[in-house]
Every structure is written in structure tokens, then in C-alpha cells.
All heavy atoms as atom14 arrays in JSON, in Angstrom:
{
  "sequence": "ARSTASSVGHAGVTPRAPQVATGARTELAIASPTISGLE",
  "atom14_mask": [
    [1, 1, 1, 1, 1, 0, 0, 0, 0, 0, 0, 0, 0, 0],
    [1, 1, 1, 1, 1, 1, 1, 1, 1, 1, 1, 0, 0, 0],
    [1, 1, 1, 1, 1, 1, 0, 0, 0, 0, 0, 0, 0, 0],
    [1, 1, 1, 1, 1, 1, 1, 0, 0, 0, 0, 0, 0, 0],
    [1, 1, 1, 1, 1, 0, 0, 0, 0, 0, 0, 0, 0, 0],
    [1, 1, 1, 1, 1, 1, 0, 0, 0, 0, 0, 0, 0, 0],
    [1, 1, 1, 1, 1, 1, 0, 0, 0, 0, 0, 0, 0, 0],
    [1, 1, 1, 1, 1, 1, 1, 0, 0, 0, 0, 0, 0, 0],
    [1, 1, 1, 1, 0, 0, 0, 0, 0, 0, 0, 0, 0, 0],
    [1, 1, 1, 1, 1, 1, 1, 1, 1, 1, 0, 0, 0, 0],
    [1, 1, 1, 1, 1, 0, 0, 0, 0, 0, 0, 0, 0, 0],
    [1, 1, 1, 1, 0, 0, 0, 0, 0, 0, 0, 0, 0, 0],
    [1, 1, 1, 1, 1, 1, 1, 0, 0, 0, 0, 0, 0, 0],
    [1, 1, 1, 1, 1, 1, 1, 0, 0, 0, 0, 0, 0, 0],
    [1, 1, 1, 1, 1, 1, 1, 0, 0, 0, 0, 0, 0, 0],
    [1, 1, 1, 1, 1, 1, 1, 1, 1, 1, 1, 0, 0, 0],
    [1, 1, 1, 1, 1, 0, 0, 0, 0, 0, 0, 0, 0, 0],
    [1, 1, 1, 1, 1, 1, 1, 0, 0, 0, 0, 0, 0, 0],
    [1, 1, 1, 1, 1, 1, 1, 1, 1, 0, 0, 0, 0, 0],
    [1, 1, 1, 1, 1, 1, 1, 0, 0, 0, 0, 0, 0, 0],
    [1, 1, 1, 1, 1, 0, 0, 0, 0, 0, 0, 0, 0, 0],
    [1, 1, 1, 1, 1, 1, 1, 0, 0, 0, 0, 0, 0, 0],
    [1, 1, 1, 1, 0, 0, 0, 0, 0, 0, 0, 0, 0, 0],
    [1, 1, 1, 1, 1, 0, 0, 0, 0, 0, 0, 0, 0, 0],
    [1, 1, 1, 1, 1, 1, 1, 1, 1, 1, 1, 0, 0, 0],
    [1, 1, 1, 1, 1, 1, 1, 0, 0, 0, 0, 0, 0, 0],
    [1, 1, 1, 1, 1, 1, 1, 1, 1, 0, 0, 0, 0, 0],
    [1, 1, 1, 1, 1, 1, 1, 1, 0, 0, 0, 0, 0, 0],
    [1, 1, 1, 1, 1, 0, 0, 0, 0, 0, 0, 0, 0, 0],
    [1, 1, 1, 1, 1, 1, 1, 1, 0, 0, 0, 0, 0, 0],
    [1, 1, 1, 1, 1, 0, 0, 0, 0, 0, 0, 0, 0, 0],
    [1, 1, 1, 1, 1, 1, 0, 0, 0, 0, 0, 0, 0, 0],
    [1, 1, 1, 1, 1, 1, 1, 0, 0, 0, 0, 0, 0, 0],
    [1, 1, 1, 1, 1, 1, 1, 0, 0, 0, 0, 0, 0, 0],
    [1, 1, 1, 1, 1, 1, 1, 1, 0, 0, 0, 0, 0, 0],
    [1, 1, 1, 1, 1, 1, 0, 0, 0, 0, 0, 0, 0, 0],
    [1, 1, 1, 1, 0, 0, 0, 0, 0, 0, 0, 0, 0, 0],
    [1, 1, 1, 1, 1, 1, 1, 1, 0, 0, 0, 0, 0, 0],
    [1, 1, 1, 1, 1, 1, 1, 1, 1, 0, 0, 0, 0, 0]
  ],
  "atom14_positions": [
    [[0.77, -1.17, 0.03], [-0.02, 0.01, 0.01], [0.77, 1.24, -0.05], [0.57, 2.23, -0.62], [-0.95, -0.06, 1.26], [0.0, 0.0, 0.0], [0.0, 0.0, 0.0], [0.0, 0.0, 0.0], [0.0, 0.0, 0.0], [0.0, 0.0, 0.0], [0.0, 0.0, 0.0], [0.0, 0.0, 0.0], [0.0, 0.0, 0.0], [0.0, 0.0, 0.0]],
    [[1.9, 1.21, 0.77], [2.82, 2.45, 0.87], [3.45, 2.62, -0.4], [3.63, 3.69, -0.91], [3.86, 2.28, 2.05], [3.18, 2.44, 3.39], [4.28, 2.64, 4.45], [5.14, 1.46, 4.51], [4.88, 0.37, 5.35], [3.84, 0.46, 6.04], [5.78, -0.64, 5.43], [0.0, 0.0, 0.0], [0.0, 0.0, 0.0], [0.0, 0.0, 0.0]],
    [[4.14, 1.65, -1.01], [4.84, 1.73, -2.24], [3.97, 2.13, -3.31], [4.32, 2.96, -4.31], [5.57, 0.42, -2.67], [4.64, -0.57, -2.78], [0.0, 0.0, 0.0], [0.0, 0.0, 0.0], [0.0, 0.0, 0.0], [0.0, 0.0, 0.0], [0.0, 0.0, 0.0], [0.0, 0.0, 0.0], [0.0, 0.0, 0.0], [0.0, 0.0, 0.0]],
    [[2.64, 1.61, -3.34], [1.72, 2.03, -4.44], [1.35, 3.54, -4.4], [1.41, 4.21, -5.33], [0.5, 1.2, -4.34], [0.82, -0.16, -4.42], [-0.51, 1.6, -5.53], [0.0, 0.0, 0.0], [0.0, 0.0, 0.0], [0.0, 0.0, 0.0], [0.0, 0.0, 0.0], [0.0, 0.0, 0.0], [0.0, 0.0, 0.0], [0.0, 0.0, 0.0]],
    [[1.18, 3.93, -3.09], [0.85, 5.39, -2.83], [1.9, 6.31, -3.24], [1.71, 7.33, -3.93], [0.48, 5.54, -1.36], [0.0, 0.0, 0.0], [0.0, 0.0, 0.0], [0.0, 0.0, 0.0], [0.0, 0.0, 0.0], [0.0, 0.0, 0.0], [0.0, 0.0, 0.0], [0.0, 0.0, 0.0], [0.0, 0.0, 0.0], [0.0, 0.0, 0.0]],
    [[3.18, 5.81, -3.06], [4.46, 6.7, -3.43], [4.51, 6.88, -4.87], [5.14, 7.72, -5.33], [5.58, 6.16, -2.71], [5.9, 4.92, -3.25], [0.0, 0.0, 0.0], [0.0, 0.0, 0.0], [0.0, 0.0, 0.0], [0.0, 0.0, 0.0], [0.0, 0.0, 0.0], [0.0, 0.0, 0.0], [0.0, 0.0, 0.0], [0.0, 0.0, 0.0]],
    [[4.05, 5.85, -5.6], [4.3, 5.84, -7.06], [3.12, 6.64, -7.8], [3.26, 6.89, -8.99], [4.24, 4.38, -7.58], [3.11, 3.75, -7.38], [0.0, 0.0, 0.0], [0.0, 0.0, 0.0], [0.0, 0.0, 0.0], [0.0, 0.0, 0.0], [0.0, 0.0, 0.0], [0.0, 0.0, 0.0], [0.0, 0.0, 0.0], [0.0, 0.0, 0.0]],
    [[2.01, 7.06, -7.17], [0.96, 7.72, -7.77], [1.48, 9.2, -8.13], [2.2, 9.87, -7.37], [-0.31, 7.87, -6.89], [-1.26, 8.78, -7.5], [-0.81, 6.51, -6.6], [0.0, 0.0, 0.0], [0.0, 0.0, 0.0], [0.0, 0.0, 0.0], [0.0, 0.0, 0.0], [0.0, 0.0, 0.0], [0.0, 0.0, 0.0], [0.0, 0.0, 0.0]],
    [[1.19, 9.63, -9.34], [1.52, 10.92, -9.67], [2.73, 11.01, -10.66], [2.9, 11.99, -11.31], [0.0, 0.0, 0.0], [0.0, 0.0, 0.0], [0.0, 0.0, 0.0], [0.0, 0.0, 0.0], [0.0, 0.0, 0.0], [0.0, 0.0, 0.0], [0.0, 0.0, 0.0], [0.0, 0.0, 0.0], [0.0, 0.0, 0.0], [0.0, 0.0, 0.0]],
    [[3.52, 9.97, -10.7], [4.64, 10.01, -11.54], [4.11, 9.85, -13.0], [3.52, 8.81, -13.28], [5.59, 8.86, -11.28], [6.29, 8.96, -10.02], [7.33, 9.98, -9.73], [6.05, 8.34, -8.75], [7.7, 9.91, -8.42], [6.95, 9.02, -7.82], [0.0, 0.0, 0.0], [0.0, 0.0, 0.0], [0.0, 0.0, 0.0], [0.0, 0.0, 0.0]],
    [[4.42, 10.8, -13.8], [4.03, 10.81, -15.26], [2.55, 10.83, -15.38], [2.02, 10.34, -16.42], [4.63, 9.59, -15.94], [0.0, 0.0, 0.0], [0.0, 0.0, 0.0], [0.0, 0.0, 0.0], [0.0, 0.0, 0.0], [0.0, 0.0, 0.0], [0.0, 0.0, 0.0], [0.0, 0.0, 0.0], [0.0, 0.0, 0.0], [0.0, 0.0, 0.0]],
    [[1.81, 11.12, -14.28], [0.33, 11.09, -14.38], [-0.38, 9.82, -14.46], [-1.5, 9.67, -14.78], [0.0, 0.0, 0.0], [0.0, 0.0, 0.0], [0.0, 0.0, 0.0], [0.0, 0.0, 0.0], [0.0, 0.0, 0.0], [0.0, 0.0, 0.0], [0.0, 0.0, 0.0], [0.0, 0.0, 0.0], [0.0, 0.0, 0.0], [0.0, 0.0, 0.0]],
    [[0.42, 8.87, -14.01], [-0.16, 7.45, -14.12], [-0.68, 6.99, -12.83], [-0.06, 7.01, -11.82], [0.88, 6.45, -14.67], [0.29, 5.08, -14.75], [1.37, 6.88, -16.04], [0.0, 0.0, 0.0], [0.0, 0.0, 0.0], [0.0, 0.0, 0.0], [0.0, 0.0, 0.0], [0.0, 0.0, 0.0], [0.0, 0.0, 0.0], [0.0, 0.0, 0.0]],
    [[-1.83, 6.48, -12.8], [-2.44, 5.95, -11.6], [-2.31, 4.38, -11.64], [-2.62, 3.74, -12.65], [-3.97, 6.17, -11.56], [-4.1, 7.6, -11.47], [-4.56, 5.51, -10.24], [0.0, 0.0, 0.0], [0.0, 0.0, 0.0], [0.0, 0.0, 0.0], [0.0, 0.0, 0.0], [0.0, 0.0, 0.0], [0.0, 0.0, 0.0], [0.0, 0.0, 0.0]],
    [[-1.52, 3.74, -10.69], [-1.14, 2.4, -10.73], [-2.35, 1.6, -10.68], [-3.35, 1.88, -10.04], [-0.22, 2.2, -9.66], [-0.6, 3.26, -8.68], [-1.08, 4.46, -9.52], [0.0, 0.0, 0.0], [0.0, 0.0, 0.0], [0.0, 0.0, 0.0], [0.0, 0.0, 0.0], [0.0, 0.0, 0.0], [0.0, 0.0, 0.0], [0.0, 0.0, 0.0]],
    [[-2.35, 0.26, -11.3], [-3.38, -0.69, -10.93], [-3.34, -1.18, -9.53], [-2.34, -1.21, -8.87], [-3.18, -1.82, -11.95], [-3.49, -1.55, -13.41], [-3.38, -2.82, -14.26], [-2.0, -3.39, -14.01], [-1.81, -4.6, -14.41], [-2.7, -5.28, -15.18], [-0.56, -5.09, -14.29], [0.0, 0.0, 0.0], [0.0, 0.0, 0.0], [0.0, 0.0, 0.0]],
    [[-4.5, -1.54, -9.04], [-4.55, -2.03, -7.61], [-3.79, -3.42, -7.58], [-4.05, -4.22, -8.46], [-6.08, -2.27, -7.24], [0.0, 0.0, 0.0], [0.0, 0.0, 0.0], [0.0, 0.0, 0.0], [0.0, 0.0, 0.0], [0.0, 0.0, 0.0], [0.0, 0.0, 0.0], [0.0, 0.0, 0.0], [0.0, 0.0, 0.0], [0.0, 0.0, 0.0]],
    [[-2.84, -3.56, -6.69], [-2.08, -4.78, -6.63], [-2.81, -5.92, -5.99], [-3.82, -5.7, -5.25], [-0.93, -4.41, -5.7], [-1.6, -3.28, -4.83], [-2.48, -2.48, -5.66], [0.0, 0.0, 0.0], [0.0, 0.0, 0.0], [0.0, 0.0, 0.0], [0.0, 0.0, 0.0], [0.0, 0.0, 0.0], [0.0, 0.0, 0.0], [0.0, 0.0, 0.0]],
    [[-2.35, -7.11, -6.32], [-2.96, -8.32, -5.72], [-2.16, -8.56, -4.47], [-0.96, -8.78, -4.62], [-2.87, -9.53, -6.68], [-3.77, -9.42, -7.94], [-5.19, -9.45, -7.58], [-5.53, -10.16, -6.66], [-6.04, -8.79, -8.23], [0.0, 0.0, 0.0], [0.0, 0.0, 0.0], [0.0, 0.0, 0.0], [0.0, 0.0, 0.0], [0.0, 0.0, 0.0]],
    [[-2.78, -8.78, -3.32], [-2.09, -8.93, -2.11], [-2.57, -10.3, -1.5], [-3.71, -10.5, -1.36], [-2.41, -7.82, -1.05], [-1.71, -8.13, 0.2], [-2.09, -6.51, -1.68], [0.0, 0.0, 0.0], [0.0, 0.0, 0.0], [0.0, 0.0, 0.0], [0.0, 0.0, 0.0], [0.0, 0.0, 0.0], [0.0, 0.0, 0.0], [0.0, 0.0, 0.0]],
    [[-1.55, -11.14, -1.31], [-1.86, -12.45, -0.76], [-2.18, -12.39, 0.69], [-1.58, -11.83, 1.43], [-0.62, -13.42, -1.0], [0.0, 0.0, 0.0], [0.0, 0.0, 0.0], [0.0, 0.0, 0.0], [0.0, 0.0, 0.0], [0.0, 0.0, 0.0], [0.0, 0.0, 0.0], [0.0, 0.0, 0.0], [0.0, 0.0, 0.0], [0.0, 0.0, 0.0]],
    [[-3.23, -12.99, 1.0], [-3.76, -13.02, 2.37], [-4.15, -14.34, 2.79], [-5.24, -14.86, 2.37], [-4.92, -12.07, 2.6], [-4.68, -10.81, 2.18], [-5.39, -11.98, 4.06], [0.0, 0.0, 0.0], [0.0, 0.0, 0.0], [0.0, 0.0, 0.0], [0.0, 0.0, 0.0], [0.0, 0.0, 0.0], [0.0, 0.0, 0.0], [0.0, 0.0, 0.0]],
    [[-3.31, -15.06, 3.46], [-3.48, -16.51, 3.82], [-3.58, -17.33, 2.59], [-2.69, -17.33, 1.62], [0.0, 0.0, 0.0], [0.0, 0.0, 0.0], [0.0, 0.0, 0.0], [0.0, 0.0, 0.0], [0.0, 0.0, 0.0], [0.0, 0.0, 0.0], [0.0, 0.0, 0.0], [0.0, 0.0, 0.0], [0.0, 0.0, 0.0], [0.0, 0.0, 0.0]],
    [[-4.63, -18.14, 2.47], [-4.84, -19.09, 1.31], [-5.65, -18.38, 0.18], [-6.0, -19.02, -0.81], [-5.51, -20.23, 1.77], [0.0, 0.0, 0.0], [0.0, 0.0, 0.0], [0.0, 0.0, 0.0], [0.0, 0.0, 0.0], [0.0, 0.0, 0.0], [0.0, 0.0, 0.0], [0.0, 0.0, 0.0], [0.0, 0.0, 0.0], [0.0, 0.0, 0.0]],
    [[-6.03, -17.06, 0.36], [-6.78, -16.4, -0.64], [-6.1, -15.14, -1.08], [-5.22, -14.6, -0.48], [-8.23, -16.13, -0.08], [-8.2, -15.14, 1.17], [-9.5, -15.1, 1.76], [-9.62, -14.1, 2.78], [-9.21, -14.24, 4.01], [-8.63, -15.44, 4.4], [-9.17, -13.37, 4.92], [0.0, 0.0, 0.0], [0.0, 0.0, 0.0], [0.0, 0.0, 0.0]],
    [[-6.64, -14.56, -2.19], [-5.96, -13.36, -2.71], [-7.12, -12.32, -2.75], [-8.17, -12.54, -3.35], [-5.37, -13.54, -4.1], [-4.49, -14.53, -3.97], [-4.81, -12.29, -4.68], [0.0, 0.0, 0.0], [0.0, 0.0, 0.0], [0.0, 0.0, 0.0], [0.0, 0.0, 0.0], [0.0, 0.0, 0.0], [0.0, 0.0, 0.0], [0.0, 0.0, 0.0]],
    [[-6.84, -11.09, -2.24], [-7.79, -10.08, -2.18], [-7.26, -8.84, -3.04], [-6.0, -8.62, -3.05], [-8.06, -9.57, -0.85], [-8.68, -10.74, 0.11], [-8.89, -10.22, 1.55], [-8.34, -9.18, 1.77], [-9.43, -10.99, 2.25], [0.0, 0.0, 0.0], [0.0, 0.0, 0.0], [0.0, 0.0, 0.0], [0.0, 0.0, 0.0], [0.0, 0.0, 0.0]],
    [[-8.21, -8.14, -3.56], [-7.84, -7.05, -4.37], [-7.61, -5.76, -3.42], [-8.45, -5.42, -2.62], [-8.88, -6.64, -5.41], [-8.48, -5.46, -6.41], [-7.36, -6.06, -7.38], [-9.8, -5.2, -7.28], [0.0, 0.0, 0.0], [0.0, 0.0, 0.0], [0.0, 0.0, 0.0], [0.0, 0.0, 0.0], [0.0, 0.0, 0.0], [0.0, 0.0, 0.0]],
    [[-6.47, -5.21, -3.45], [-6.11, -4.02, -2.61], [-6.22, -2.74, -3.41], [-5.41, -2.56, -4.38], [-4.71, -4.2, -1.99], [0.0, 0.0, 0.0], [0.0, 0.0, 0.0], [0.0, 0.0, 0.0], [0.0, 0.0, 0.0], [0.0, 0.0, 0.0], [0.0, 0.0, 0.0], [0.0, 0.0, 0.0], [0.0, 0.0, 0.0], [0.0, 0.0, 0.0]],
    [[-7.24, -1.88, -3.12], [-7.35, -0.69, -3.81], [-6.56, 0.32, -2.91], [-7.06, 0.83, -2.02], [-8.85, -0.33, -3.93], [-9.6, -1.37, -4.66], [-9.09, 1.03, -4.65], [-11.15, -1.22, -4.71], [0.0, 0.0, 0.0], [0.0, 0.0, 0.0], [0.0, 0.0, 0.0], [0.0, 0.0, 0.0], [0.0, 0.0, 0.0], [0.0, 0.0, 0.0]],
    [[-5.33, 0.66, -3.44], [-4.48, 1.46, -2.64], [-4.3, 2.87, -3.11], [-3.61, 3.6, -2.45], [-3.02, 0.78, -2.63], [0.0, 0.0, 0.0], [0.0, 0.0, 0.0], [0.0, 0.0, 0.0], [0.0, 0.0, 0.0], [0.0, 0.0, 0.0], [0.0, 0.0, 0.0], [0.0, 0.0, 0.0], [0.0, 0.0, 0.0], [0.0, 0.0, 0.0]],
    [[-4.89, 3.29, -4.19], [-4.55, 4.59, -4.7], [-5.19, 5.71, -3.71], [-6.34, 5.7, -3.38], [-5.3, 4.82, -6.02], [-5.2, 6.18, -6.48], [0.0, 0.0, 0.0], [0.0, 0.0, 0.0], [0.0, 0.0, 0.0], [0.0, 0.0, 0.0], [0.0, 0.0, 0.0], [0.0, 0.0, 0.0], [0.0, 0.0, 0.0], [0.0, 0.0, 0.0]],
    [[-4.35, 6.65, -3.26], [-4.81, 7.73, -2.37], [-5.74, 8.67, -3.01], [-6.32, 9.58, -2.4], [-3.53, 8.39, -1.97], [-2.56, 8.2, -2.98], [-2.97, 6.85, -3.65], [0.0, 0.0, 0.0], [0.0, 0.0, 0.0], [0.0, 0.0, 0.0], [0.0, 0.0, 0.0], [0.0, 0.0, 0.0], [0.0, 0.0, 0.0], [0.0, 0.0, 0.0]],
    [[-5.88, 8.73, -4.4], [-6.71, 9.62, -5.15], [-8.13, 9.28, -5.1], [-9.04, 9.91, -5.55], [-6.24, 9.81, -6.56], [-6.38, 8.48, -7.19], [-4.79, 10.21, -6.65], [0.0, 0.0, 0.0], [0.0, 0.0, 0.0], [0.0, 0.0, 0.0], [0.0, 0.0, 0.0], [0.0, 0.0, 0.0], [0.0, 0.0, 0.0], [0.0, 0.0, 0.0]],
    [[-8.39, 8.05, -4.67], [-9.79, 7.47, -4.59], [-10.4, 7.65, -3.23], [-9.75, 7.09, -2.29], [-9.85, 5.98, -5.17], [-9.24, 5.92, -6.51], [-11.31, 5.55, -5.11], [-9.27, 4.5, -6.92], [0.0, 0.0, 0.0], [0.0, 0.0, 0.0], [0.0, 0.0, 0.0], [0.0, 0.0, 0.0], [0.0, 0.0, 0.0], [0.0, 0.0, 0.0]],
    [[-11.48, 8.36, -3.01], [-12.04, 8.52, -1.65], [-12.66, 7.14, -1.16], [-12.85, 6.17, -2.12], [-13.06, 9.55, -1.74], [-14.29, 9.08, -2.41], [0.0, 0.0, 0.0], [0.0, 0.0, 0.0], [0.0, 0.0, 0.0], [0.0, 0.0, 0.0], [0.0, 0.0, 0.0], [0.0, 0.0, 0.0], [0.0, 0.0, 0.0], [0.0, 0.0, 0.0]],
    [[-13.01, 7.11, 0.1], [-13.61, 5.89, 0.55], [-14.9, 5.64, -0.11], [-15.16, 4.49, -0.33], [0.0, 0.0, 0.0], [0.0, 0.0, 0.0], [0.0, 0.0, 0.0], [0.0, 0.0, 0.0], [0.0, 0.0, 0.0], [0.0, 0.0, 0.0], [0.0, 0.0, 0.0], [0.0, 0.0, 0.0], [0.0, 0.0, 0.0], [0.0, 0.0, 0.0]],
    [[-15.69, 6.53, -0.35], [-17.06, 6.3, -1.08], [-16.86, 5.88, -2.48], [-17.55, 5.0, -2.96], [-17.8, 7.64, -1.05], [-18.45, 8.02, 0.27], [-19.1, 9.41, 0.36], [-19.45, 6.95, 0.8], [0.0, 0.0, 0.0], [0.0, 0.0, 0.0], [0.0, 0.0, 0.0], [0.0, 0.0, 0.0], [0.0, 0.0, 0.0], [0.0, 0.0, 0.0]],
    [[-15.9, 6.51, -3.09], [-15.59, 6.06, -4.52], [-15.05, 4.54, -4.57], [-15.43, 3.8, -5.49], [-14.63, 6.98, -5.13], [-15.15, 8.3, -5.48], [-14.09, 9.37, -5.89], [-12.91, 9.2, -5.42], [-14.44, 10.29, -6.59], [0.0, 0.0, 0.0], [0.0, 0.0, 0.0], [0.0, 0.0, 0.0], [0.0, 0.0, 0.0], [0.0, 0.0, 0.0]]
  ]
}
């Protein structure tokens, strides 16, 4: 999440949400700080 946040804004590119392994399952991590909680 931290590394994704730090990369936002470079060349105006918003990174794709990374896949984060959690135990035996994989969840989508929406880490961009430009997206509000409601969005």
C-alpha cells in the first residue's frame, strides 16, 4: 500500500490495484490515495 501510494503521480499514471496475498486467498487491494472511501 505504501509503495503504491508513493508511485501515484509519476507521469500522471495511476497504478493498478495490486494483488495482495492473504493466507490461502487473494484479495484486491485498492491502494490509490486519489480515490475516496465512497468512490
